Amino acid sequence: MKRMKKYVILMISLMIIGCSRDNQNENVNAFNLDVGVEFSVINSDGEDILNPNNPNAINKSDIKLFYLIDGVKKEVYNSNYDYPRNFKIYEHQNEYRIAIWQNNTDSEEKPLTFVQWSKDENDIDKIETIYERTSNAVLQRKIWLNDDLLWESNSGIEPFFVLTK
């Protein structure tokens, strides 16, 4: 009977050690890519111009993102992505928002993302971001919109803003 108790204790110990190692491996293989920023967009009258039911709404198909990579401004389009232009517009409570996945290239100190809101090439906003990079994460630390600091990670709030166009 003593042998059986030792055997049971040994088996339980091995299972606990085995589970601990599996969890550690999961953490090593995990990657946190924190590159999103969200906006609600209103006009000077306070109307939600991301709402497709608004006659003054921004045409979703006219919105384009550009990333500045190695000094070259490149339009974002990845046909195999669910959101090939690296943004999505969705309804959040009583408003529409645009979620933008920003440029996170590691070849730039402050990667730039340009948002062109319409066919007018002058209707553009510039987003700059500083990231903290580790072996298993890319984390936003500061975000600027048109050279104005909008957000810092130590602010305790999510990177969401109201943009007036």
C-alpha atoms as a PDB file:
ATOM      1  CA  MET A   1       0.000   0.000   0.000  1.00  0.00           C
ATOM      2  CA  LYS A   2       2.894   2.362   0.755  1.00  0.00           C
ATOM      3  CA  ARG A   3       4.254   1.660  -2.711  1.00  0.00           C
ATOM      4  CA  MET A   4       0.922   2.542  -4.237  1.00  0.00           C
ATOM      5  CA  LYS A   5       0.814   5.871  -2.362  1.00  0.00           C
ATOM      6  CA  LYS A   6       4.330   6.702  -3.568  1.00  0.00           C
ATOM      7  CA  TYR A   7       3.336   5.762  -7.107  1.00  0.00           C
ATOM      8  CA  VAL A   8       0.210   7.981  -6.974  1.00  0.00           C
ATOM      9  CA  ILE A   9       2.199  10.898  -5.542  1.00  0.00           C
ATOM     10  CA  LEU A  10       4.847  10.451  -8.257  1.00  0.00           C
ATOM     11  CA  MET A  11       2.214  10.382 -11.013  1.00  0.00           C
ATOM     12  CA  ILE A  12       0.462  13.506  -9.684  1.00  0.00           C
ATOM     13  CA  SER A  13       3.801  15.310  -9.428  1.00  0.00           C
ATOM     14  CA  LEU A  14       4.672  14.425 -13.027  1.00  0.00           C
ATOM     15  CA  MET A  15       1.281  15.617 -14.249  1.00  0.00           C
ATOM     16  CA  ILE A  16       1.681  18.949 -12.439  1.00  0.00           C
ATOM     17  CA  ILE A  17       5.193  19.443 -13.823  1.00  0.00           C
ATOM     18  CA  GLY A  18       4.015  18.447 -17.295  1.00  0.00           C
ATOM     19  CA  CYS A  19       1.146  20.939 -17.191  1.00  0.00           C
ATOM     20  CA  SER A  20       3.426  23.708 -16.000  1.00  0.00           C
ATOM     21  CA  ARG A  21       5.829  23.129 -18.889  1.00  0.00           C
ATOM     22  CA  ASP A  22       2.984  23.160 -21.419  1.00  0.00           C
ATOM     23  CA  ASN A  23       1.725  26.494 -20.113  1.00  0.00           C
ATOM     24  CA  GLN A  24       5.228  27.934 -20.274  1.00  0.00           C
ATOM     25  CA  ASN A  25       5.567  26.848 -23.903  1.00  0.00           C
ATOM     26  CA  GLU A  26       2.236  28.467 -24.762  1.00  0.00           C
ATOM     27  CA  ASN A  27       3.460  31.781 -23.341  1.00  0.00           C
ATOM     28  CA  VAL A  28       6.728  31.572 -25.256  1.00  0.00           C
ATOM     29  CA  ASN A  29       4.841  31.053 -28.529  1.00  0.00           C
ATOM     30  CA  ALA A  30       2.311  33.834 -27.852  1.00  0.00           C
ATOM     31  CA  PHE A  31       2.727  37.189 -29.604  1.00  0.00           C
ATOM     32  CA  ASN A  32       0.995  40.464 -28.701  1.00  0.00           C
ATOM     33  CA  LEU A  33       0.604  42.846 -31.659  1.00  0.00           C
ATOM     34  CA  ASP A  34      -0.913  46.071 -30.274  1.00  0.00           C
ATOM     35  CA  VAL A  35      -1.099  48.427 -33.275  1.00  0.00           C
ATOM     36  CA  GLY A  36      -4.759  49.509 -33.354  1.00  0.00           C
ATOM     37  CA  VAL A  37      -6.306  52.925 -32.927  1.00  0.00           C
ATOM     38  CA  GLU A  38     -10.003  53.829 -33.175  1.00  0.00           C
ATOM     39  CA  PHE A  39     -11.846  56.971 -34.173  1.00  0.00           C
ATOM     40  CA  SER A  40     -15.416  58.113 -34.358  1.00  0.00           C
ATOM     41  CA  VAL A  41     -15.614  60.729 -37.090  1.00  0.00           C
ATOM     42  CA  ILE A  42     -18.023  63.646 -36.984  1.00  0.00           C
ATOM     43  CA  ASN A  43     -18.541  66.742 -39.087  1.00  0.00           C
ATOM     44  CA  SER A  44     -18.734  70.327 -37.752  1.00  0.00           C
ATOM     45  CA  ASP A  45     -22.463  69.802 -37.048  1.00  0.00           C
ATOM     46  CA  GLY A  46     -21.695  66.793 -34.828  1.00  0.00           C
ATOM     47  CA  GLU A  47     -23.106  64.260 -37.306  1.00  0.00           C
ATOM     48  CA  ASP A  48     -21.608  60.783 -37.396  1.00  0.00           C
ATOM     49  CA  ILE A  49     -20.091  60.672 -40.877  1.00  0.00           C
ATOM     50  CA  LEU A  50     -19.062  57.032 -40.608  1.00  0.00           C
ATOM     51  CA  ASN A  51     -22.721  56.047 -40.334  1.00  0.00           C
ATOM     52  CA  PRO A  52     -23.656  54.693 -43.781  1.00  0.00           C
ATOM     53  CA  ASN A  53     -27.263  55.872 -43.248  1.00  0.00           C
ATOM     54  CA  ASN A  54     -26.096  59.489 -43.056  1.00  0.00           C
ATOM     55  CA  PRO A  55     -26.399  61.190 -46.471  1.00  0.00           C
ATOM     56  CA  ASN A  56     -23.146  63.064 -45.680  1.00  0.00           C
ATOM     57  CA  ALA A  57     -21.275  59.871 -44.758  1.00  0.00           C
ATOM     58  CA  ILE A  58     -17.740  59.157 -45.844  1.00  0.00           C
ATOM     59  CA  ASN A  59     -17.744  56.556 -48.606  1.00  0.00           C
ATOM     60  CA  LYS A  60     -15.981  53.523 -47.111  1.00  0.00           C
ATOM     61  CA  SER A  61     -14.598  52.518 -50.506  1.00  0.00           C
ATOM     62  CA  ASP A  62     -12.820  55.898 -50.806  1.00  0.00           C
ATOM     63  CA  ILE A  63     -10.820  55.442 -47.573  1.00  0.00           C
ATOM     64  CA  LYS A  64      -7.218  54.379 -48.100  1.00  0.00           C
ATOM     65  CA  LEU A  65      -4.310  53.776 -45.758  1.00  0.00           C
ATOM     66  CA  PHE A  66      -0.710  54.417 -46.705  1.00  0.00           C
ATOM     67  CA  TYR A  67       2.359  53.340 -44.758  1.00  0.00           C
ATOM     68  CA  LEU A  68       5.680  55.140 -45.033  1.00  0.00           C
ATOM     69  CA  ILE A  69       8.299  52.390 -45.281  1.00  0.00           C
ATOM     70  CA  ASP A  70      11.952  53.164 -45.986  1.00  0.00           C
ATOM     71  CA  GLY A  71      10.979  56.625 -47.220  1.00  0.00           C
ATOM     72  CA  VAL A  72       8.355  55.325 -49.663  1.00  0.00           C
ATOM     73  CA  LYS A  73       4.616  55.917 -49.161  1.00  0.00           C
ATOM     74  CA  LYS A  74       2.856  52.630 -50.002  1.00  0.00           C
ATOM     75  CA  GLU A  75      -0.885  52.018 -50.214  1.00  0.00           C
ATOM     76  CA  VAL A  76      -2.021  49.223 -47.902  1.00  0.00           C
ATOM     77  CA  TYR A  77      -3.821  46.347 -49.549  1.00  0.00           C
ATOM     78  CA  ASN A  78      -3.557  42.700 -48.514  1.00  0.00           C
ATOM     79  CA  SER A  79      -6.043  40.653 -50.529  1.00  0.00           C
ATOM     80  CA  ASN A  80      -5.778  37.616 -48.223  1.00  0.00           C
ATOM     81  CA  TYR A  81      -6.805  39.587 -45.078  1.00  0.00           C
ATOM     82  CA  ASP A  82     -10.359  39.838 -43.738  1.00  0.00           C
ATOM     83  CA  TYR A  83      -9.853  43.624 -43.837  1.00  0.00           C
ATOM     84  CA  PRO A  84      -7.472  44.044 -46.800  1.00  0.00           C
ATOM     85  CA  ARG A  85      -7.051  47.791 -46.333  1.00  0.00           C
ATOM     86  CA  ASN A  86      -6.155  47.395 -42.616  1.00  0.00           C
ATOM     87  CA  PHE A  87      -9.232  49.172 -41.296  1.00  0.00           C
ATOM     88  CA  LYS A  88     -12.802  48.309 -40.455  1.00  0.00           C
ATOM     89  CA  ILE A  89     -15.869  50.418 -39.790  1.00  0.00           C
ATOM     90  CA  TYR A  90     -18.311  49.036 -37.254  1.00  0.00           C
ATOM     91  CA  GLU A  91     -21.192  50.119 -35.059  1.00  0.00           C
ATOM     92  CA  HIS A  92     -20.326  50.666 -31.390  1.00  0.00           C
ATOM     93  CA  GLN A  93     -23.306  51.421 -29.149  1.00  0.00           C
ATOM     94  CA  ASN A  94     -24.834  54.573 -30.688  1.00  0.00           C
ATOM     95  CA  GLU A  95     -22.046  55.516 -33.100  1.00  0.00           C
ATOM     96  CA  TYR A  96     -19.882  54.148 -35.856  1.00  0.00           C
ATOM     97  CA  ARG A  97     -16.138  53.801 -35.423  1.00  0.00           C
ATOM     98  CA  ILE A  98     -13.190  53.081 -37.624  1.00  0.00           C
ATOM     99  CA  ALA A  99     -10.520  50.737 -36.294  1.00  0.00           C
ATOM    100  CA  ILE A 100      -7.170  51.282 -37.999  1.00  0.00           C
ATOM    101  CA  TRP A 101      -4.235  48.884 -37.858  1.00  0.00           C
ATOM    102  CA  GLN A 102      -1.220  51.143 -38.031  1.00  0.00           C
ATOM    103  CA  ASN A 103       2.158  50.837 -39.649  1.00  0.00           C
ATOM    104  CA  ASN A 104       4.456  48.986 -37.243  1.00  0.00           C
ATOM    105  CA  THR A 105       7.551  48.566 -39.387  1.00  0.00           C
ATOM    106  CA  ASP A 106      10.678  48.254 -37.283  1.00  0.00           C
ATOM    107  CA  SER A 107      12.777  50.164 -39.830  1.00  0.00           C
ATOM    108  CA  GLU A 108      11.314  53.479 -38.578  1.00  0.00           C
ATOM    109  CA  GLU A 109      11.626  55.088 -35.142  1.00  0.00           C
ATOM    110  CA  LYS A 110       8.069  56.486 -35.413  1.00  0.00           C
ATOM    111  CA  PRO A 111       6.260  54.564 -38.166  1.00  0.00           C
ATOM    112  CA  LEU A 112       3.818  56.713 -40.151  1.00  0.00           C
ATOM    113  CA  THR A 113       0.310  55.813 -41.244  1.00  0.00           C
ATOM    114  CA  PHE A 114      -1.602  58.137 -43.549  1.00  0.00           C
ATOM    115  CA  VAL A 115      -5.407  57.988 -43.728  1.00  0.00           C
ATOM    116  CA  GLN A 116      -6.904  59.365 -46.921  1.00  0.00           C
ATOM    117  CA  TRP A 117     -10.597  59.896 -46.204  1.00  0.00           C
ATOM    118  CA  SER A 118     -11.906  60.571 -49.710  1.00  0.00           C
ATOM    119  CA  LYS A 119     -10.889  60.700 -53.356  1.00  0.00           C
ATOM    120  CA  ASP A 120      -9.440  64.134 -52.569  1.00  0.00           C
ATOM    121  CA  GLU A 121      -5.745  63.388 -52.010  1.00  0.00           C
ATOM    122  CA  ASN A 122      -5.501  66.416 -49.689  1.00  0.00           C
ATOM    123  CA  ASP A 123      -8.094  64.981 -47.280  1.00  0.00           C
ATOM    124  CA  ILE A 124      -5.477  63.094 -45.291  1.00  0.00           C
ATOM    125  CA  ASP A 125      -4.423  62.664 -41.672  1.00  0.00           C
ATOM    126  CA  LYS A 126      -1.051  61.483 -40.396  1.00  0.00           C
ATOM    127  CA  ILE A 127      -0.699  59.050 -37.491  1.00  0.00           C
ATOM    128  CA  GLU A 128       2.726  58.479 -35.911  1.00  0.00           C
ATOM    129  CA  THR A 129       3.371  55.854 -33.274  1.00  0.00           C
ATOM    130  CA  ILE A 130       6.223  54.857 -31.011  1.00  0.00           C
ATOM    131  CA  TYR A 131       6.304  51.165 -30.177  1.00  0.00           C
ATOM    132  CA  GLU A 132       8.002  49.104 -27.523  1.00  0.00           C
ATOM    133  CA  ARG A 133       9.325  45.911 -29.069  1.00  0.00           C
ATOM    134  CA  THR A 134      10.179  42.678 -27.303  1.00  0.00           C
ATOM    135  CA  SER A 135      10.785  39.167 -28.600  1.00  0.00           C
ATOM    136  CA  ASN A 136       7.069  38.407 -28.280  1.00  0.00           C
ATOM    137  CA  ALA A 137       5.331  41.807 -28.495  1.00  0.00           C
ATOM    138  CA  VAL A 138       4.910  45.068 -30.365  1.00  0.00           C
ATOM    139  CA  LEU A 139       3.164  47.514 -28.027  1.00  0.00           C
ATOM    140  CA  GLN A 140       2.031  51.080 -28.672  1.00  0.00           C
ATOM    141  CA  ARG A 141       3.526  53.615 -26.291  1.00  0.00           C
ATOM    142  CA  LYS A 142       2.668  57.018 -27.883  1.00  0.00           C
ATOM    143  CA  ILE A 143       0.375  58.108 -30.715  1.00  0.00           C
ATOM    144  CA  TRP A 144       0.370  61.447 -32.547  1.00  0.00           C
ATOM    145  CA  LEU A 145      -2.280  62.716 -34.966  1.00  0.00           C
ATOM    146  CA  ASN A 146      -1.073  65.428 -37.340  1.00  0.00           C
ATOM    147  CA  ASP A 147       1.900  66.125 -35.022  1.00  0.00           C
ATOM    148  CA  ASP A 148      -0.257  66.496 -31.878  1.00  0.00           C
ATOM    149  CA  LEU A 149       0.373  63.939 -29.124  1.00  0.00           C
ATOM    150  CA  LEU A 150      -2.972  62.196 -28.574  1.00  0.00           C
ATOM    151  CA  TRP A 151      -2.233  59.230 -26.384  1.00  0.00           C
ATOM    152  CA  GLU A 152       0.342  57.614 -24.094  1.00  0.00           C
ATOM    153  CA  SER A 153       0.163  54.058 -22.839  1.00  0.00           C
ATOM    154  CA  ASN A 154       0.425  55.149 -19.205  1.00  0.00           C
ATOM    155  CA  SER A 155      -2.789  57.193 -19.544  1.00  0.00           C
ATOM    156  CA  GLY A 156      -4.932  54.234 -18.504  1.00  0.00           C
ATOM    157  CA  ILE A 157      -7.341  54.654 -21.425  1.00  0.00           C
ATOM    158  CA  GLU A 158      -7.674  52.853 -24.741  1.00  0.00           C
ATOM    159  CA  PRO A 159      -6.514  54.642 -27.893  1.00  0.00           C
ATOM    160  CA  PHE A 160      -9.913  55.951 -29.040  1.00  0.00           C
ATOM    161  CA  PHE A 161     -10.564  59.489 -30.269  1.00  0.00           C
ATOM    162  CA  VAL A 162     -13.254  61.659 -31.803  1.00  0.00           C
ATOM    163  CA  LEU A 163     -12.085  63.216 -35.046  1.00  0.00           C
ATOM    164  CA  THR A 164     -13.853  66.210 -36.606  1.00  0.00           C
ATOM    165  CA  LYS A 165     -13.688  66.393 -40.394  1.00  0.00           C
END
